[in-house]
N, C-alpha and C. Protein backbone atom coordinates (compact mmCIF):
# COMPACT_ATOMS: atom_id res chain seq x y z
N UNK A 1 71.43 103.89 153.83
CA UNK A 1 71.70 102.52 154.21
C UNK A 1 73.16 102.19 154.00
N UNK A 2 73.78 101.46 154.92
CA UNK A 2 75.17 101.07 154.70
C UNK A 2 75.28 100.09 153.55
N UNK A 3 76.37 100.15 152.86
CA UNK A 3 76.60 99.24 151.73
C UNK A 3 76.81 97.83 152.25
N UNK A 4 76.25 96.87 151.56
CA UNK A 4 76.46 95.47 151.90
C UNK A 4 77.85 95.07 151.44
N UNK A 5 78.65 94.47 152.33
CA UNK A 5 80.00 94.09 151.89
C UNK A 5 79.92 93.05 150.78
N UNK A 6 80.83 93.16 149.84
CA UNK A 6 80.89 92.21 148.73
C UNK A 6 81.25 90.84 149.25
N UNK A 7 80.61 89.83 148.72
CA UNK A 7 80.91 88.45 149.09
C UNK A 7 82.27 88.09 148.51
N UNK A 8 83.17 87.51 149.32
CA UNK A 8 84.45 87.09 148.76
C UNK A 8 84.23 86.11 147.61
N UNK A 9 85.05 86.24 146.61
CA UNK A 9 84.94 85.40 145.43
C UNK A 9 85.95 84.26 145.50
N UNK A 10 85.64 83.20 144.80
CA UNK A 10 86.56 82.09 144.66
C UNK A 10 87.75 82.55 143.84
N UNK A 11 88.92 82.06 144.15
CA UNK A 11 90.14 82.49 143.48
C UNK A 11 90.16 82.15 142.00
N UNK A 12 91.11 82.76 141.27
CA UNK A 12 91.21 82.54 139.84
C UNK A 12 91.63 81.11 139.51
N UNK A 13 91.40 80.71 138.29
CA UNK A 13 91.78 79.37 137.87
C UNK A 13 93.17 79.37 137.24
N UNK A 14 94.04 80.19 137.73
CA UNK A 14 95.42 80.24 137.26
C UNK A 14 96.36 80.31 138.43
N UNK A 15 97.65 80.30 138.18
CA UNK A 15 98.62 80.25 139.27
C UNK A 15 99.15 81.60 139.71
N UNK A 16 98.94 82.65 138.96
CA UNK A 16 99.54 83.93 139.29
C UNK A 16 99.10 84.45 140.65
N UNK A 17 97.88 84.14 141.08
CA UNK A 17 97.35 84.69 142.31
C UNK A 17 97.94 84.11 143.58
N UNK A 18 98.50 82.90 143.56
CA UNK A 18 98.97 82.27 144.79
C UNK A 18 100.09 83.06 145.45
N UNK A 19 101.06 83.50 144.68
CA UNK A 19 102.18 84.24 145.26
C UNK A 19 101.73 85.58 145.83
N UNK A 20 100.67 86.12 145.28
CA UNK A 20 100.16 87.41 145.73
C UNK A 20 99.12 87.29 146.83
N UNK A 21 98.76 86.08 147.18
CA UNK A 21 97.73 85.88 148.20
C UNK A 21 98.22 86.38 149.55
N UNK A 22 97.31 87.05 150.23
CA UNK A 22 97.57 87.54 151.58
C UNK A 22 96.87 86.59 152.56
N UNK A 23 97.61 86.13 153.55
CA UNK A 23 97.04 85.25 154.56
C UNK A 23 96.52 86.14 155.69
N UNK A 24 95.24 85.98 156.00
CA UNK A 24 94.63 86.77 157.07
C UNK A 24 94.02 85.84 158.11
N UNK A 25 94.23 86.19 159.37
CA UNK A 25 93.51 85.54 160.45
C UNK A 25 92.17 86.26 160.58
N UNK A 26 91.09 85.50 160.52
CA UNK A 26 89.75 86.06 160.52
C UNK A 26 89.11 85.79 161.88
N UNK A 27 88.58 86.83 162.54
CA UNK A 27 87.90 86.60 163.81
C UNK A 27 86.65 85.74 163.63
N UNK A 28 86.32 84.98 164.65
CA UNK A 28 85.14 84.10 164.59
C UNK A 28 83.88 84.87 164.21
N UNK A 29 83.78 86.11 164.65
CA UNK A 29 82.58 86.92 164.38
C UNK A 29 82.42 87.24 162.89
N UNK A 30 83.47 87.08 162.09
CA UNK A 30 83.40 87.40 160.66
C UNK A 30 83.36 86.16 159.77
N UNK A 31 83.43 84.98 160.34
CA UNK A 31 83.51 83.75 159.55
C UNK A 31 82.21 83.48 158.79
N UNK A 32 81.06 83.82 159.36
CA UNK A 32 79.80 83.55 158.66
C UNK A 32 79.75 84.17 157.27
N UNK A 33 80.41 85.29 157.08
CA UNK A 33 80.45 85.94 155.76
C UNK A 33 81.28 85.18 154.74
N UNK A 34 82.02 84.17 155.19
CA UNK A 34 82.87 83.39 154.29
C UNK A 34 82.35 81.97 154.05
N UNK A 35 81.24 81.59 154.66
CA UNK A 35 80.79 80.20 154.60
C UNK A 35 80.48 79.73 153.18
N UNK A 36 79.88 80.58 152.34
CA UNK A 36 79.62 80.17 150.95
C UNK A 36 80.92 79.89 150.21
N UNK A 37 81.90 80.75 150.43
CA UNK A 37 83.19 80.57 149.77
C UNK A 37 83.91 79.33 150.29
N UNK A 38 83.83 79.07 151.60
CA UNK A 38 84.41 77.86 152.17
C UNK A 38 83.77 76.63 151.52
N UNK A 39 82.46 76.67 151.34
CA UNK A 39 81.76 75.56 150.68
C UNK A 39 82.28 75.35 149.27
N UNK A 40 82.50 76.44 148.54
CA UNK A 40 82.99 76.33 147.16
C UNK A 40 84.41 75.75 147.13
N UNK A 41 85.29 76.25 147.99
CA UNK A 41 86.67 75.74 148.03
C UNK A 41 86.66 74.27 148.44
N UNK A 42 85.92 73.93 149.51
CA UNK A 42 85.85 72.54 149.97
C UNK A 42 85.29 71.64 148.87
N UNK A 43 84.33 72.15 148.11
CA UNK A 43 83.76 71.37 147.01
C UNK A 43 84.78 71.05 145.93
N UNK A 44 85.69 71.98 145.68
CA UNK A 44 86.73 71.73 144.68
C UNK A 44 87.85 70.84 145.21
N UNK A 45 88.08 70.88 146.52
CA UNK A 45 89.20 70.14 147.11
C UNK A 45 88.80 68.71 147.51
N UNK A 46 87.77 68.57 148.30
CA UNK A 46 87.47 67.29 148.93
C UNK A 46 86.64 66.35 148.06
N UNK A 47 86.23 66.80 146.88
CA UNK A 47 85.55 65.88 145.95
C UNK A 47 86.57 65.16 145.07
N UNK A 48 87.81 65.60 145.11
CA UNK A 48 88.88 64.98 144.33
C UNK A 48 89.51 63.82 145.10
N UNK A 49 90.18 62.90 144.40
CA UNK A 49 90.92 61.85 145.10
C UNK A 49 92.04 62.48 145.93
N UNK A 50 92.41 61.93 147.04
CA UNK A 50 91.96 60.63 147.54
C UNK A 50 90.67 60.70 148.36
N UNK A 51 90.21 61.91 148.70
CA UNK A 51 89.02 62.01 149.54
C UNK A 51 87.77 61.57 148.78
N UNK A 52 87.57 62.07 147.58
CA UNK A 52 86.45 61.71 146.71
C UNK A 52 85.11 61.74 147.46
N UNK A 53 84.93 62.79 148.26
CA UNK A 53 83.68 62.96 148.99
C UNK A 53 82.59 63.43 148.04
N UNK A 54 81.33 63.13 148.33
CA UNK A 54 80.26 63.67 147.50
C UNK A 54 80.19 65.19 147.66
N UNK A 55 79.72 65.86 146.63
CA UNK A 55 79.65 67.32 146.62
C UNK A 55 78.93 67.88 147.85
N UNK A 56 77.91 67.17 148.34
CA UNK A 56 77.15 67.62 149.51
C UNK A 56 78.03 67.75 150.75
N UNK A 57 79.12 67.01 150.80
CA UNK A 57 80.02 67.07 151.95
C UNK A 57 80.69 68.42 152.09
N UNK A 58 80.79 69.16 151.00
CA UNK A 58 81.39 70.50 151.06
C UNK A 58 80.57 71.40 151.97
N UNK A 59 79.26 71.27 151.90
CA UNK A 59 78.41 72.04 152.79
C UNK A 59 78.61 71.66 154.24
N UNK A 60 78.90 70.39 154.50
CA UNK A 60 79.15 69.93 155.86
C UNK A 60 80.42 70.57 156.43
N UNK A 61 81.42 70.81 155.58
CA UNK A 61 82.64 71.48 156.04
C UNK A 61 82.29 72.88 156.55
N UNK A 62 81.49 73.61 155.79
CA UNK A 62 81.09 74.96 156.20
C UNK A 62 80.21 74.93 157.46
N UNK A 63 79.32 73.95 157.56
CA UNK A 63 78.47 73.83 158.75
C UNK A 63 79.32 73.54 159.99
N UNK A 64 80.30 72.65 159.84
CA UNK A 64 81.19 72.33 160.96
C UNK A 64 82.00 73.56 161.35
N UNK A 65 82.48 74.30 160.35
CA UNK A 65 83.23 75.53 160.61
C UNK A 65 82.37 76.51 161.40
N UNK A 66 81.13 76.73 160.97
CA UNK A 66 80.24 77.67 161.67
C UNK A 66 80.03 77.25 163.11
N UNK A 67 79.82 75.95 163.34
CA UNK A 67 79.63 75.46 164.71
C UNK A 67 80.90 75.61 165.54
N UNK A 68 82.05 75.41 164.91
CA UNK A 68 83.32 75.47 165.64
C UNK A 68 83.73 76.89 166.03
N UNK A 69 83.12 77.90 165.43
CA UNK A 69 83.48 79.28 165.80
C UNK A 69 83.22 79.56 167.27
N UNK A 70 82.38 78.76 167.90
CA UNK A 70 82.04 78.95 169.31
C UNK A 70 82.92 78.13 170.24
N UNK A 71 83.82 77.35 169.67
CA UNK A 71 84.67 76.50 170.50
C UNK A 71 85.89 77.25 170.98
N UNK A 72 86.39 76.81 172.10
CA UNK A 72 87.59 77.40 172.69
C UNK A 72 88.77 77.22 171.74
N UNK A 73 89.58 78.25 171.61
CA UNK A 73 90.78 78.19 170.80
C UNK A 73 90.54 78.29 169.30
N UNK A 74 89.33 78.64 168.87
CA UNK A 74 89.03 78.72 167.44
C UNK A 74 89.95 79.73 166.76
N UNK A 75 90.56 79.28 165.65
CA UNK A 75 91.42 80.14 164.83
C UNK A 75 91.16 79.79 163.38
N UNK A 76 90.97 80.83 162.55
CA UNK A 76 90.67 80.64 161.13
C UNK A 76 91.60 81.53 160.31
N UNK A 77 92.23 80.95 159.31
CA UNK A 77 93.10 81.70 158.39
C UNK A 77 92.58 81.48 156.97
N UNK A 78 92.61 82.55 156.18
CA UNK A 78 92.18 82.45 154.78
C UNK A 78 93.21 83.14 153.90
N UNK A 79 93.37 82.60 152.70
CA UNK A 79 94.28 83.18 151.70
C UNK A 79 93.44 84.01 150.74
N UNK A 80 93.70 85.30 150.71
CA UNK A 80 92.97 86.24 149.86
C UNK A 80 93.90 86.85 148.82
N UNK A 81 93.37 87.05 147.65
CA UNK A 81 93.98 87.92 146.63
C UNK A 81 92.87 88.89 146.27
N UNK A 82 92.95 90.10 146.82
CA UNK A 82 91.82 91.02 146.70
C UNK A 82 90.65 90.42 147.46
N UNK A 83 89.52 90.25 146.79
CA UNK A 83 88.37 89.63 147.45
C UNK A 83 88.21 88.16 147.06
N UNK A 84 89.21 87.60 146.41
CA UNK A 84 89.16 86.19 146.00
C UNK A 84 89.83 85.31 147.06
N UNK A 85 89.19 84.19 147.37
CA UNK A 85 89.72 83.25 148.36
C UNK A 85 90.35 82.08 147.63
N UNK A 86 91.60 81.82 147.97
CA UNK A 86 92.35 80.71 147.36
C UNK A 86 92.42 79.48 148.25
N UNK A 87 92.19 79.66 149.55
CA UNK A 87 92.27 78.55 150.48
C UNK A 87 91.98 79.00 151.89
N UNK A 88 91.90 78.03 152.79
CA UNK A 88 91.63 78.33 154.19
C UNK A 88 92.17 77.21 155.07
N UNK A 89 92.31 77.52 156.35
CA UNK A 89 92.68 76.53 157.36
C UNK A 89 92.08 76.98 158.68
N UNK A 90 91.69 76.01 159.50
CA UNK A 90 91.23 76.39 160.82
C UNK A 90 91.46 75.29 161.83
N UNK A 91 91.48 75.70 163.09
CA UNK A 91 91.69 74.77 164.18
C UNK A 91 90.94 75.20 165.42
N UNK A 92 90.84 74.26 166.37
CA UNK A 92 90.16 74.50 167.65
C UNK A 92 90.91 73.77 168.76
N UNK A 93 90.64 74.17 169.99
CA UNK A 93 91.19 73.45 171.12
C UNK A 93 90.38 72.17 171.30
N UNK A 94 91.05 71.03 171.24
CA UNK A 94 90.35 69.74 171.30
C UNK A 94 91.37 68.64 171.55
N UNK A 95 91.04 67.72 172.45
CA UNK A 95 91.95 66.61 172.76
C UNK A 95 91.43 65.27 172.27
N UNK A 96 90.38 65.26 171.46
CA UNK A 96 89.78 64.00 171.00
C UNK A 96 90.80 63.12 170.26
N UNK A 97 91.58 63.71 169.36
CA UNK A 97 92.55 62.92 168.60
C UNK A 97 93.66 62.38 169.51
N UNK A 98 94.04 63.14 170.52
CA UNK A 98 95.03 62.63 171.47
C UNK A 98 94.49 61.38 172.16
N UNK A 99 93.24 61.42 172.56
CA UNK A 99 92.64 60.25 173.20
C UNK A 99 92.55 59.07 172.24
N UNK A 100 92.17 59.33 170.98
CA UNK A 100 92.10 58.26 169.98
C UNK A 100 93.47 57.65 169.71
N UNK A 101 94.51 58.45 169.87
CA UNK A 101 95.88 57.96 169.67
C UNK A 101 96.48 57.41 170.96
N UNK A 102 95.64 57.23 171.97
CA UNK A 102 96.06 56.67 173.27
C UNK A 102 97.12 57.53 173.94
N UNK A 103 96.97 58.84 173.85
CA UNK A 103 97.88 59.78 174.50
C UNK A 103 97.13 60.54 175.58
N UNK A 104 97.85 60.98 176.57
CA UNK A 104 97.23 61.80 177.61
C UNK A 104 96.86 63.15 177.01
N UNK A 105 95.64 63.59 177.20
CA UNK A 105 95.26 64.90 176.68
C UNK A 105 95.91 66.02 177.48
N UNK A 106 96.26 67.07 176.76
CA UNK A 106 96.81 68.27 177.39
C UNK A 106 96.01 69.44 176.84
N UNK A 107 96.60 70.55 176.69
CA UNK A 107 95.94 71.70 176.06
C UNK A 107 96.10 71.58 174.55
N UNK A 108 95.61 70.47 174.02
CA UNK A 108 95.80 70.13 172.61
C UNK A 108 94.96 71.01 171.70
N UNK A 109 95.45 71.16 170.48
CA UNK A 109 94.72 71.85 169.42
C UNK A 109 94.58 70.88 168.25
N UNK A 110 93.51 71.04 167.50
CA UNK A 110 93.28 70.19 166.34
C UNK A 110 93.16 71.05 165.10
N UNK A 111 93.98 70.76 164.10
CA UNK A 111 93.85 71.38 162.79
C UNK A 111 92.69 70.65 162.11
N UNK A 112 91.54 71.32 162.00
CA UNK A 112 90.33 70.67 161.50
C UNK A 112 90.30 70.59 159.98
N UNK A 113 90.72 71.65 159.31
CA UNK A 113 90.70 71.66 157.84
C UNK A 113 91.83 72.53 157.32
N UNK A 114 92.41 72.11 156.21
CA UNK A 114 93.34 72.93 155.44
C UNK A 114 93.04 72.60 153.98
N UNK A 115 92.63 73.61 153.22
CA UNK A 115 92.24 73.38 151.83
C UNK A 115 92.76 74.52 150.96
N UNK A 116 93.34 74.15 149.83
CA UNK A 116 93.83 75.11 148.84
C UNK A 116 93.23 74.71 147.49
N UNK A 117 92.73 75.69 146.76
CA UNK A 117 92.17 75.41 145.44
C UNK A 117 93.16 74.61 144.60
N UNK A 118 92.69 73.61 143.88
CA UNK A 118 93.60 72.81 143.05
C UNK A 118 94.46 73.66 142.11
N UNK A 119 93.92 74.72 141.57
CA UNK A 119 94.67 75.56 140.64
C UNK A 119 95.75 76.40 141.32
N UNK A 120 95.75 76.43 142.65
CA UNK A 120 96.71 77.24 143.41
C UNK A 120 97.77 76.41 144.12
N UNK A 121 97.74 75.10 143.94
CA UNK A 121 98.65 74.22 144.67
C UNK A 121 100.07 74.25 144.11
N UNK A 122 100.99 73.80 144.93
CA UNK A 122 102.38 73.67 144.50
C UNK A 122 103.18 74.95 144.58
N UNK A 123 102.65 75.96 145.27
CA UNK A 123 103.34 77.25 145.34
C UNK A 123 103.56 77.74 146.77
N UNK A 124 103.32 76.85 147.74
CA UNK A 124 103.56 77.21 149.12
C UNK A 124 102.38 77.84 149.85
N UNK A 125 101.24 77.92 149.20
CA UNK A 125 100.09 78.54 149.84
C UNK A 125 99.60 77.72 151.03
N UNK A 126 99.57 76.40 150.90
CA UNK A 126 99.19 75.55 152.02
C UNK A 126 100.14 75.71 153.20
N UNK A 127 101.43 75.81 152.91
CA UNK A 127 102.42 76.00 153.98
C UNK A 127 102.21 77.34 154.68
N UNK A 128 101.89 78.38 153.90
CA UNK A 128 101.65 79.70 154.51
C UNK A 128 100.40 79.69 155.38
N UNK A 129 99.34 79.02 154.92
CA UNK A 129 98.13 78.90 155.75
C UNK A 129 98.43 78.11 157.02
N UNK A 130 99.13 77.00 156.87
CA UNK A 130 99.52 76.16 158.01
C UNK A 130 100.30 76.98 159.04
N UNK A 131 101.32 77.68 158.58
CA UNK A 131 102.18 78.43 159.50
C UNK A 131 101.42 79.55 160.21
N UNK A 132 100.54 80.24 159.47
CA UNK A 132 99.76 81.32 160.09
C UNK A 132 98.85 80.75 161.18
N UNK A 133 98.22 79.63 160.89
CA UNK A 133 97.31 79.03 161.85
C UNK A 133 98.06 78.57 163.10
N UNK A 134 99.14 77.83 162.92
CA UNK A 134 99.87 77.33 164.07
C UNK A 134 100.58 78.43 164.85
N UNK A 135 100.96 79.50 164.18
CA UNK A 135 101.61 80.63 164.86
C UNK A 135 100.65 81.35 165.80
N UNK A 136 99.36 81.23 165.52
CA UNK A 136 98.36 81.89 166.37
C UNK A 136 98.21 81.20 167.71
N UNK A 137 98.71 79.98 167.85
CA UNK A 137 98.61 79.23 169.10
C UNK A 137 99.90 78.44 169.33
N UNK A 138 101.02 79.15 169.55
CA UNK A 138 102.29 78.43 169.74
C UNK A 138 102.35 77.74 171.09
N UNK A 139 103.20 76.75 171.18
CA UNK A 139 103.47 76.09 172.45
C UNK A 139 102.52 74.97 172.82
N UNK A 140 101.55 74.68 171.97
CA UNK A 140 100.61 73.60 172.27
C UNK A 140 100.82 72.46 171.28
N UNK A 141 100.54 71.23 171.69
CA UNK A 141 100.56 70.14 170.72
C UNK A 141 99.37 70.28 169.76
N UNK A 142 99.63 70.02 168.49
CA UNK A 142 98.59 70.07 167.46
C UNK A 142 98.35 68.68 166.92
N UNK A 143 97.10 68.37 166.59
CA UNK A 143 96.70 67.09 166.04
C UNK A 143 95.93 67.33 164.75
N UNK A 144 95.92 66.33 163.88
CA UNK A 144 95.09 66.37 162.68
C UNK A 144 94.86 64.95 162.20
N UNK A 145 93.88 64.80 161.30
CA UNK A 145 93.72 63.54 160.58
C UNK A 145 93.81 63.85 159.10
N UNK A 146 94.35 62.91 158.35
CA UNK A 146 94.42 63.06 156.91
C UNK A 146 94.33 61.68 156.26
N UNK A 147 94.07 61.71 154.99
CA UNK A 147 93.97 60.48 154.21
C UNK A 147 95.39 59.93 154.00
N UNK A 148 95.58 58.61 154.14
CA UNK A 148 96.93 58.06 153.96
C UNK A 148 97.46 58.18 152.53
N UNK A 149 96.60 58.47 151.55
CA UNK A 149 97.06 58.64 150.16
C UNK A 149 97.10 60.11 149.73
N UNK A 150 96.97 61.02 150.67
CA UNK A 150 97.02 62.47 150.35
C UNK A 150 98.48 62.90 150.32
N UNK A 151 99.16 62.53 149.23
CA UNK A 151 100.61 62.73 149.13
C UNK A 151 101.08 64.16 149.36
N UNK A 152 100.44 65.13 148.72
CA UNK A 152 100.87 66.53 148.89
C UNK A 152 100.67 66.99 150.32
N UNK A 153 99.53 66.64 150.91
CA UNK A 153 99.27 67.04 152.30
C UNK A 153 100.27 66.37 153.24
N UNK A 154 100.51 65.07 153.05
CA UNK A 154 101.48 64.37 153.90
C UNK A 154 102.87 64.98 153.77
N UNK A 155 103.25 65.34 152.55
CA UNK A 155 104.55 65.98 152.36
C UNK A 155 104.65 67.30 153.11
N UNK A 156 103.60 68.12 153.01
CA UNK A 156 103.58 69.39 153.73
C UNK A 156 103.70 69.15 155.23
N UNK A 157 102.89 68.25 155.75
CA UNK A 157 102.90 68.03 157.19
C UNK A 157 104.24 67.48 157.66
N UNK A 158 104.81 66.55 156.92
CA UNK A 158 106.11 66.00 157.33
C UNK A 158 107.20 67.07 157.29
N UNK A 159 107.18 67.92 156.26
CA UNK A 159 108.18 69.02 156.19
C UNK A 159 108.01 70.00 157.33
N UNK A 160 106.82 70.08 157.88
CA UNK A 160 106.53 70.99 158.98
C UNK A 160 106.66 70.32 160.35
N UNK A 161 107.17 69.09 160.39
CA UNK A 161 107.47 68.45 161.66
C UNK A 161 106.38 67.56 162.24
N UNK A 162 105.34 67.29 161.49
CA UNK A 162 104.29 66.38 161.96
C UNK A 162 104.80 64.94 161.83
N UNK A 163 104.26 64.06 162.68
CA UNK A 163 104.56 62.64 162.56
C UNK A 163 103.28 61.85 162.79
N UNK A 164 103.23 60.67 162.22
CA UNK A 164 102.06 59.81 162.38
C UNK A 164 102.06 59.27 163.81
N UNK A 165 100.93 59.45 164.49
CA UNK A 165 100.80 58.98 165.87
C UNK A 165 99.92 57.74 165.97
N UNK A 166 99.00 57.56 165.02
CA UNK A 166 98.10 56.41 165.07
C UNK A 166 97.37 56.28 163.74
N UNK A 167 96.78 55.13 163.56
CA UNK A 167 95.93 54.86 162.40
C UNK A 167 94.50 54.78 162.91
N UNK A 168 93.60 55.50 162.26
CA UNK A 168 92.20 55.51 162.66
C UNK A 168 91.38 54.83 161.57
N UNK A 169 90.71 53.76 161.92
CA UNK A 169 89.84 53.05 160.98
C UNK A 169 88.43 53.09 161.55
N UNK A 170 87.55 53.79 160.82
CA UNK A 170 86.16 53.92 161.26
C UNK A 170 85.26 54.15 160.05
N UNK A 171 84.08 53.59 160.09
CA UNK A 171 83.08 53.81 159.04
C UNK A 171 83.64 53.54 157.64
N UNK A 172 84.32 52.42 157.47
CA UNK A 172 84.90 52.04 156.17
C UNK A 172 85.91 53.06 155.65
N UNK A 173 86.52 53.82 156.53
CA UNK A 173 87.54 54.79 156.16
C UNK A 173 88.79 54.54 156.98
N UNK A 174 89.92 54.88 156.40
CA UNK A 174 91.17 54.84 157.14
C UNK A 174 91.77 56.24 157.08
N UNK A 175 92.20 56.74 158.22
CA UNK A 175 92.83 58.05 158.29
C UNK A 175 94.06 57.93 159.18
N UNK A 176 95.03 58.77 158.92
CA UNK A 176 96.20 58.88 159.78
C UNK A 176 95.93 59.96 160.81
N UNK A 177 96.25 59.69 162.05
CA UNK A 177 96.24 60.72 163.08
C UNK A 177 97.68 61.19 163.20
N UNK A 178 97.88 62.49 163.02
CA UNK A 178 99.23 63.05 163.06
C UNK A 178 99.36 64.03 164.22
N UNK A 179 100.57 64.14 164.74
CA UNK A 179 100.87 64.99 165.89
C UNK A 179 102.05 65.89 165.56
N UNK A 180 101.93 67.13 165.98
CA UNK A 180 103.05 68.07 165.91
C UNK A 180 103.27 68.61 167.32
N UNK A 181 104.39 68.23 167.90
CA UNK A 181 104.74 68.69 169.24
C UNK A 181 105.39 70.06 169.15
N UNK A 182 105.15 70.91 170.13
CA UNK A 182 105.83 72.21 170.13
C UNK A 182 107.32 72.02 170.40
N UNK A 183 108.10 72.84 169.74
CA UNK A 183 109.55 72.84 169.97
C UNK A 183 109.88 73.98 170.90
N UNK A 184 110.69 73.72 171.88
CA UNK A 184 111.07 74.74 172.85
C UNK A 184 112.24 75.54 172.28
N UNK A 185 112.08 76.87 172.24
CA UNK A 185 113.16 77.76 171.83
C UNK A 185 113.40 77.83 170.33
N UNK A 186 112.49 77.26 169.52
CA UNK A 186 112.66 77.33 168.07
C UNK A 186 111.34 77.73 167.45
N UNK A 187 111.36 78.06 166.17
CA UNK A 187 110.13 78.31 165.44
C UNK A 187 109.42 76.98 165.33
N UNK A 188 108.36 76.80 166.11
CA UNK A 188 107.71 75.49 166.22
C UNK A 188 106.77 75.19 165.06
N UNK A 189 106.59 76.09 164.12
CA UNK A 189 105.65 75.85 163.04
C UNK A 189 106.29 75.34 161.79
N UNK A 190 107.58 75.38 161.70
CA UNK A 190 108.26 74.96 160.48
C UNK A 190 109.07 73.74 160.69
């Protein structure tokens, strides 16, 4: 019988692993093997302020990821140190946020999630995940939503050329819709 591949583990609770993390683009066909780990990372990230989502919402992130693997333009990046996962990011081709921001839809992409373990933050891992994801689909406008009080995320996005395009208020929540336009003739991800 073939050996069952080891389940990726959640990253260490220290900072040494972030600099050594390898960013890998994972094919959609292999994402199901990472769903438990995505749930664990999302549970550590999105239950904290400013999101303060209930723990059950972490499972919804993994469910949405699994469903999105079948969407056009699906791209998933994960930060690994050995078999430990420190963070992930993914996106799909989608113009919904462009429409919500009253913009004409084009071949838009949406950054659906970017999450880095709290113990791994502040070392550029989110930027590396961001850049790997956006590099996989250059030349297209990218959209995302984020919490208006997510200071570290907003700082990363602004340093990477994102700008606020609209304010989204729905279901007793407020989110910023952000846009990153492709730059012609330059590294458009930084």
